[in-house]
Amino acid sequence: MCIARNSLAMAGPYRVSFDFLEVVGYTPDHEPTRPYQSWGTEYVYVAEDKGDFISLQHIMVMYFEQEDGSVSQPMVMKHWRQDWEYEKSDLFVYTGHNKWKQEQHKAARVKGTWAQSVYQVDDSPRYESFGRWEHHANYSSWKSANTWRPLPRREGSVRDDYDVLEGTNRHTILPSGWVQEEENRKLVLNESGKPDLSVPYLAKELGIARYERIVEHDFTPGDEYWKKSGAFWADVRFVWNDLMNKNESIVIQKKVDNSFMFMPFFSKAQKIVDGESYDSEQGRKAIREMLEPFITIK
C-alpha cells in the first residue's frame, strides 16, 4: 500500500490545461466537433488520508485581468473530487440514463488494485473504476478498466445525440506534476439502457488534462474557503456515502425546474464561509432535504 504516495503526489498547486479532440467518426455523416480547450489554476487538497483511502479535493482559484488592466478579486470554486481506495470490491457505477448502481467484484479480481472514484462539484457520483499502478524509473502510471461515464459538462449542455462516454482513464505522475489521459467512445443507448444495435458508437475522442506545478500564485482564498466550509462538505460526502452504501441504485437528475443540484450546496457553503454558524447534525438533515428533489431511490 506504499503506492498511496502516488495519489498524495497529486496534491498541491497547479496550472491545469484541458484538451479534447474527436479523432474518429463511426457514422457516414460524421462531422468532428470543435476541439475543446480550456485552462485554470487550482489547488488539490488532501481531504482525507487513511493510508488505504485517499480523498483529494480540487478547488479552483482564478484571477482575471480587467479592461482597465487591474486584476479582479479571486474567483473561488469547489471543483471535482477524486477518492482512491486500495482493493475496493464494491463500486457504484454509472449505467446510463442518469442511473448509478452497486457493482460487486470478487476479492481476487481487485487484489493489488486501487479504485478511483470521481465526484461532481456537488459531491454526487460521476464514475468509478479500478486499475493497477505501474512504476518506471522516472514516472508512475495508473490505468482504469473500461468505464462508463455520463456526459461531461463541456458536452452535456450542447449535445443530446449520445448517452455515455465509454473509455479508459490514465493518471501519470511526473517530476513536474501529473497528467490525466482519456480515450473515450461516444455511446448511444436504447430505452432499456443497452447499446443501440444499429449505431452504438458515434465517435472516438482523446482527452488530456495537464497538471503543472506552479509557484507564486496566491491560493490563500482557496485555503480560507476550504478551511471554513470543510465541515459542511464533509457532511455532504457523508450523506452521499450513506445513500450509495444503503441503496442498490439511484437515479440522479442534475436539473429540476430550472434549478441545478449544485446550486443550494454552493449557496450554503458560501454562507458558512461568510460567517454563518454550522451545526453538523442539522446540516446533514438539511443536505438530505436539498437532495430530495433531484434523486430517486431504486
Protein backbone atom coordinates (compact mmCIF):
# COMPACT_ATOMS: atom_id res chain seq x y z
CA MET A 1 0.00 0.00 0.00
CA CYS A 2 3.02 2.28 -0.20
CA ILE A 3 1.57 3.16 -3.60
CA ALA A 4 -0.68 5.62 -1.72
CA ARG A 5 2.15 8.11 -2.17
CA ASN A 6 1.24 8.32 -5.87
CA SER A 7 -2.23 9.59 -5.01
CA LEU A 8 -0.80 12.01 -2.45
CA ALA A 9 1.68 13.27 -5.09
CA MET A 10 -1.30 14.75 -6.95
CA ALA A 11 -1.96 17.24 -4.15
CA GLY A 12 -0.64 20.79 -4.42
CA PRO A 13 -0.84 23.96 -6.59
CA TYR A 14 -1.35 23.62 -10.33
CA ARG A 15 -1.97 25.33 -13.61
CA VAL A 16 -4.30 22.95 -15.46
CA SER A 17 -4.94 22.78 -19.20
CA PHE A 18 -7.69 20.69 -20.79
CA ASP A 19 -7.69 19.49 -24.41
CA PHE A 20 -10.27 17.19 -26.02
CA LEU A 21 -10.33 16.23 -29.70
CA GLU A 22 -12.71 14.00 -31.65
CA VAL A 23 -10.39 11.87 -33.76
CA VAL A 24 -12.57 9.12 -35.30
CA GLY A 25 -16.12 9.07 -36.63
CA TYR A 26 -18.13 5.83 -36.80
CA THR A 27 -21.10 7.12 -38.83
CA PRO A 28 -21.26 8.00 -42.57
CA ASP A 29 -22.28 11.60 -41.91
CA HIS A 30 -19.84 12.23 -39.06
CA GLU A 31 -18.56 15.77 -38.67
CA PRO A 32 -15.95 16.23 -35.93
CA THR A 33 -16.98 18.58 -33.17
CA ARG A 34 -14.89 21.64 -32.46
CA PRO A 35 -11.84 20.82 -30.32
CA TYR A 36 -12.33 21.78 -26.68
CA GLN A 37 -9.63 23.72 -24.86
CA SER A 38 -9.62 25.48 -21.51
CA TRP A 39 -7.35 26.09 -18.55
CA GLY A 40 -7.44 27.11 -14.93
CA THR A 41 -5.47 27.35 -11.70
CA GLU A 42 -6.42 25.07 -8.84
CA TYR A 43 -5.14 23.61 -5.62
CA VAL A 44 -5.64 19.93 -4.85
CA TYR A 45 -6.23 19.47 -1.11
CA VAL A 46 -5.96 16.23 0.85
CA ALA A 47 -9.45 15.93 2.33
CA GLU A 48 -8.73 12.54 3.95
CA ASP A 49 -5.70 10.26 4.29
CA LYS A 50 -6.21 6.86 5.94
CA GLY A 51 -3.36 5.08 4.21
CA ASP A 52 -5.55 2.75 2.15
CA PHE A 53 -8.02 5.57 1.38
CA ILE A 54 -7.06 8.99 -0.01
CA SER A 55 -9.53 11.76 -0.84
CA LEU A 56 -8.37 14.70 -2.96
CA GLN A 57 -10.50 17.84 -3.35
CA HIS A 58 -9.83 20.24 -6.24
CA ILE A 59 -10.51 23.95 -5.58
CA MET A 60 -10.18 26.49 -8.39
CA VAL A 61 -8.71 29.91 -7.57
CA MET A 62 -8.69 32.20 -10.59
CA TYR A 63 -7.78 35.87 -11.15
CA PHE A 64 -8.73 37.79 -14.29
CA GLU A 65 -7.30 40.88 -15.95
CA GLN A 66 -10.00 43.53 -16.32
CA GLU A 67 -10.47 46.09 -19.10
CA ASP A 68 -8.59 48.79 -17.18
CA GLY A 69 -5.64 46.46 -16.66
CA SER A 70 -6.32 45.79 -12.99
CA VAL A 71 -6.63 42.32 -11.54
CA SER A 72 -10.04 41.09 -10.38
CA GLN A 73 -10.92 39.72 -6.98
CA PRO A 74 -10.30 35.97 -6.79
CA MET A 75 -12.90 33.60 -8.18
CA VAL A 76 -13.02 30.57 -5.88
CA MET A 77 -14.99 27.47 -6.85
CA LYS A 78 -15.12 23.95 -5.49
CA HIS A 79 -14.24 21.69 -8.42
CA TRP A 80 -14.26 17.89 -8.77
CA ARG A 81 -13.09 15.33 -6.21
CA GLN A 82 -11.24 12.06 -6.59
CA ASP A 83 -11.06 9.28 -3.99
CA TRP A 84 -8.52 6.45 -4.13
CA GLU A 85 -9.12 3.20 -2.22
CA TYR A 86 -6.99 0.06 -2.06
CA GLU A 87 -8.58 -3.27 -3.09
CA LYS A 88 -12.09 -1.80 -3.20
CA SER A 89 -14.58 -4.52 -4.17
CA ASP A 90 -17.85 -2.56 -4.07
CA LEU A 91 -18.17 0.07 -6.79
CA PHE A 92 -21.02 2.49 -7.52
CA VAL A 93 -21.03 2.68 -11.31
CA TYR A 94 -22.86 4.61 -14.00
CA THR A 95 -25.30 2.55 -16.11
CA GLY A 96 -26.76 5.25 -18.36
CA HIS A 97 -29.95 7.32 -18.34
CA ASN A 98 -28.93 9.15 -15.13
CA LYS A 99 -28.72 5.92 -13.12
CA TRP A 100 -25.94 4.63 -10.86
CA LYS A 101 -25.91 1.19 -9.23
CA GLN A 102 -23.93 -1.09 -6.93
CA GLU A 103 -21.42 -3.41 -8.60
CA GLN A 104 -19.62 -6.09 -6.60
CA HIS A 105 -16.29 -7.66 -7.55
CA LYS A 106 -14.58 -10.72 -6.11
CA ALA A 107 -11.63 -10.04 -3.84
CA ALA A 108 -9.32 -11.94 -6.19
CA ARG A 109 -10.14 -9.59 -9.07
CA VAL A 110 -9.30 -6.39 -7.18
CA LYS A 111 -6.32 -7.77 -5.27
CA GLY A 112 -3.42 -5.33 -5.55
CA THR A 113 -5.52 -2.68 -7.34
CA TRP A 114 -6.53 0.86 -6.46
CA ALA A 115 -10.02 2.15 -7.27
CA GLN A 116 -10.51 5.74 -8.35
CA SER A 117 -13.92 7.30 -7.63
CA VAL A 118 -14.66 10.64 -9.29
CA TYR A 119 -17.33 13.02 -8.00
CA GLN A 120 -19.01 16.13 -9.37
CA VAL A 121 -18.71 19.60 -7.83
CA ASP A 122 -21.70 18.82 -5.56
CA ASP A 123 -20.08 15.52 -4.46
CA SER A 124 -22.57 13.41 -6.41
CA PRO A 125 -21.04 10.35 -8.11
CA ARG A 126 -19.66 10.57 -11.63
CA TYR A 127 -17.68 7.39 -12.36
CA GLU A 128 -15.66 4.74 -10.60
CA SER A 129 -13.18 2.11 -11.75
CA PHE A 130 -10.09 0.22 -10.63
CA GLY A 131 -6.64 -0.48 -12.01
CA ARG A 132 -3.01 -1.06 -11.11
CA TRP A 133 -0.12 1.32 -10.67
CA GLU A 134 2.96 0.66 -12.79
CA HIS A 135 6.33 2.08 -11.83
CA HIS A 136 9.19 3.16 -14.06
CA ALA A 137 12.48 4.93 -13.43
CA ASN A 138 11.09 8.45 -13.79
CA TYR A 139 7.28 8.13 -13.69
CA SER A 140 4.40 6.07 -12.29
CA SER A 141 1.14 5.41 -14.10
CA TRP A 142 -2.33 4.02 -13.29
CA LYS A 143 -4.90 2.97 -15.89
CA SER A 144 -8.57 2.22 -15.25
CA ALA A 145 -10.63 -0.64 -16.60
CA ASN A 146 -13.16 0.23 -19.30
CA THR A 147 -15.62 2.61 -17.66
CA TRP A 148 -19.00 4.21 -18.39
CA ARG A 149 -19.37 7.91 -17.58
CA PRO A 150 -22.19 10.43 -18.00
CA LEU A 151 -21.73 13.25 -20.50
CA PRO A 152 -19.26 15.88 -19.25
CA ARG A 153 -20.41 19.46 -18.72
CA ARG A 154 -18.48 20.54 -21.81
CA GLU A 155 -20.88 18.45 -23.95
CA GLY A 156 -23.95 17.84 -21.81
CA SER A 157 -25.22 21.38 -22.40
CA VAL A 158 -24.84 21.28 -26.19
CA ARG A 159 -25.37 17.65 -27.26
CA ASP A 160 -28.12 15.06 -26.82
CA ASP A 161 -27.21 12.57 -29.56
CA TYR A 162 -25.36 10.13 -27.29
CA ASP A 163 -25.74 8.89 -23.73
CA VAL A 164 -22.46 7.59 -22.33
CA LEU A 165 -18.74 8.19 -22.55
CA GLU A 166 -17.17 4.73 -22.58
CA GLY A 167 -13.44 4.55 -22.16
CA THR A 168 -10.32 4.44 -20.05
CA ASN A 169 -8.66 6.92 -17.77
CA ARG A 170 -4.91 7.06 -17.14
CA HIS A 171 -3.09 9.06 -14.46
CA THR A 172 0.66 9.55 -14.76
CA ILE A 173 2.80 11.09 -12.02
CA LEU A 174 5.65 13.20 -13.43
CA PRO A 175 8.50 15.22 -11.87
CA SER A 176 6.67 18.45 -12.81
CA GLY A 177 3.15 17.38 -11.81
CA TRP A 178 0.77 14.85 -13.31
CA VAL A 179 -1.29 14.15 -16.40
CA GLN A 180 -4.74 12.62 -16.88
CA GLU A 181 -5.36 10.99 -20.26
CA GLU A 182 -8.76 9.82 -21.55
CA GLU A 183 -9.64 7.61 -24.52
CA ASN A 184 -13.41 7.76 -24.96
CA ARG A 185 -16.08 6.44 -27.30
CA LYS A 186 -19.42 8.23 -27.51
CA LEU A 187 -22.05 5.55 -26.94
CA VAL A 188 -25.77 5.60 -27.80
CA LEU A 189 -28.16 3.60 -25.59
CA ASN A 190 -31.65 2.32 -26.25
CA GLU A 191 -34.53 2.84 -23.83
CA SER A 192 -33.56 -0.20 -21.77
CA GLY A 193 -30.05 1.13 -21.21
CA LYS A 194 -28.29 -1.22 -23.63
CA PRO A 195 -26.05 -0.10 -26.52
CA ASP A 196 -28.11 0.73 -29.59
CA LEU A 197 -27.79 -2.20 -32.01
CA SER A 198 -27.95 -0.12 -35.20
CA VAL A 199 -25.47 2.65 -34.35
CA PRO A 200 -23.94 2.09 -30.90
CA TYR A 201 -20.94 4.41 -31.30
CA LEU A 202 -20.81 7.86 -32.85
CA ALA A 203 -17.19 8.86 -32.43
CA LYS A 204 -13.97 8.48 -30.51
CA GLU A 205 -12.24 11.29 -28.66
CA LEU A 206 -8.92 11.72 -26.95
CA GLY A 207 -8.51 13.99 -23.97
CA ILE A 208 -5.66 15.20 -21.83
CA ALA A 209 -5.53 17.30 -18.67
CA ARG A 210 -2.05 18.54 -17.74
CA TYR A 211 -1.47 19.47 -14.09
CA GLU A 212 1.73 21.53 -13.98
CA ARG A 213 3.00 22.64 -10.57
CA ILE A 214 3.22 26.40 -10.19
CA VAL A 215 4.67 28.87 -7.69
CA GLU A 216 3.86 32.47 -6.77
CA HIS A 217 0.12 32.04 -7.34
CA ASP A 218 -1.96 33.19 -4.38
CA PHE A 219 -4.16 30.27 -3.33
CA THR A 220 -4.91 31.85 0.06
CA PRO A 221 -8.61 32.43 -0.84
CA GLY A 222 -8.91 28.71 -1.63
CA ASP A 223 -7.27 27.81 1.68
CA GLU A 224 -9.77 30.02 3.51
CA TYR A 225 -12.76 28.64 1.61
CA TRP A 226 -11.78 25.02 2.26
CA LYS A 227 -10.95 25.64 5.93
CA LYS A 228 -14.27 27.37 6.64
CA SER A 229 -16.56 25.18 4.52
CA GLY A 230 -14.75 21.86 5.04
CA ALA A 231 -17.06 20.60 7.81
CA PHE A 232 -20.12 21.20 5.62
CA TRP A 233 -18.60 19.43 2.61
CA ALA A 234 -17.55 16.53 4.87
CA ASP A 235 -21.21 16.12 5.80
CA VAL A 236 -22.21 16.25 2.13
CA ARG A 237 -19.77 13.40 1.49
CA PHE A 238 -21.19 11.52 4.50
CA VAL A 239 -24.76 11.78 3.20
CA TRP A 240 -23.80 10.70 -0.32
CA ASN A 241 -21.78 7.75 1.02
CA ASP A 242 -24.72 6.71 3.18
CA LEU A 243 -27.07 6.83 0.19
CA MET A 244 -24.72 4.83 -2.03
CA ASN A 245 -24.00 2.22 0.63
CA LYS A 246 -27.63 1.62 1.57
CA ASN A 247 -29.26 1.58 -1.87
CA GLU A 248 -28.89 -0.77 -4.83
CA SER A 249 -29.30 2.06 -7.33
CA ILE A 250 -30.05 5.78 -7.53
CA VAL A 251 -31.33 7.95 -10.37
CA ILE A 252 -29.89 11.46 -10.22
CA GLN A 253 -31.30 14.43 -12.11
CA LYS A 254 -28.82 17.30 -12.24
CA LYS A 255 -31.50 19.85 -13.07
CA VAL A 256 -35.10 20.09 -11.82
CA ASP A 257 -37.44 23.02 -12.53
CA ASN A 258 -34.59 25.11 -13.94
CA SER A 259 -32.55 24.63 -10.76
CA PHE A 260 -29.23 22.76 -10.82
CA MET A 261 -28.44 20.39 -7.97
CA PHE A 262 -25.14 22.06 -7.11
CA MET A 263 -26.74 25.48 -6.54
CA PRO A 264 -28.14 25.03 -2.99
CA PHE A 265 -24.90 23.36 -1.88
CA PHE A 266 -22.70 26.14 -3.23
CA SER A 267 -25.03 28.72 -1.68
CA LYS A 268 -24.94 27.06 1.75
CA ALA A 269 -21.16 26.66 1.66
CA GLN A 270 -20.69 30.33 0.79
CA LYS A 271 -22.94 31.41 3.67
CA ILE A 272 -20.75 29.42 6.05
CA VAL A 273 -17.61 30.96 4.57
CA ASP A 274 -19.19 34.39 5.09
CA GLY A 275 -19.70 33.68 8.78
CA GLU A 276 -22.91 31.69 9.23
CA SER A 277 -22.66 29.16 12.06
CA TYR A 278 -22.88 25.50 11.17
CA ASP A 279 -24.19 22.51 13.13
CA SER A 280 -23.35 19.09 11.71
CA GLU A 281 -26.48 17.26 12.86
CA GLN A 282 -28.80 19.90 11.46
CA GLY A 283 -26.58 20.20 8.40
CA ARG A 284 -26.89 16.53 7.46
CA LYS A 285 -30.66 16.76 7.74
CA ALA A 286 -30.70 19.86 5.52
CA ILE A 287 -28.39 18.16 2.98
CA ARG A 288 -30.81 15.25 2.61
CA GLU A 289 -33.65 17.73 2.09
CA MET A 290 -31.61 19.55 -0.58
CA LEU A 291 -31.12 16.27 -2.43
CA GLU A 292 -34.73 15.07 -2.32
CA PRO A 293 -35.95 16.86 -5.49
CA PHE A 294 -33.02 15.51 -7.53
CA ILE A 295 -32.72 11.83 -6.60
CA THR A 296 -34.91 8.75 -6.89
CA ILE A 297 -34.07 5.60 -4.97
CA LYS A 298 -34.50 2.40 -7.00
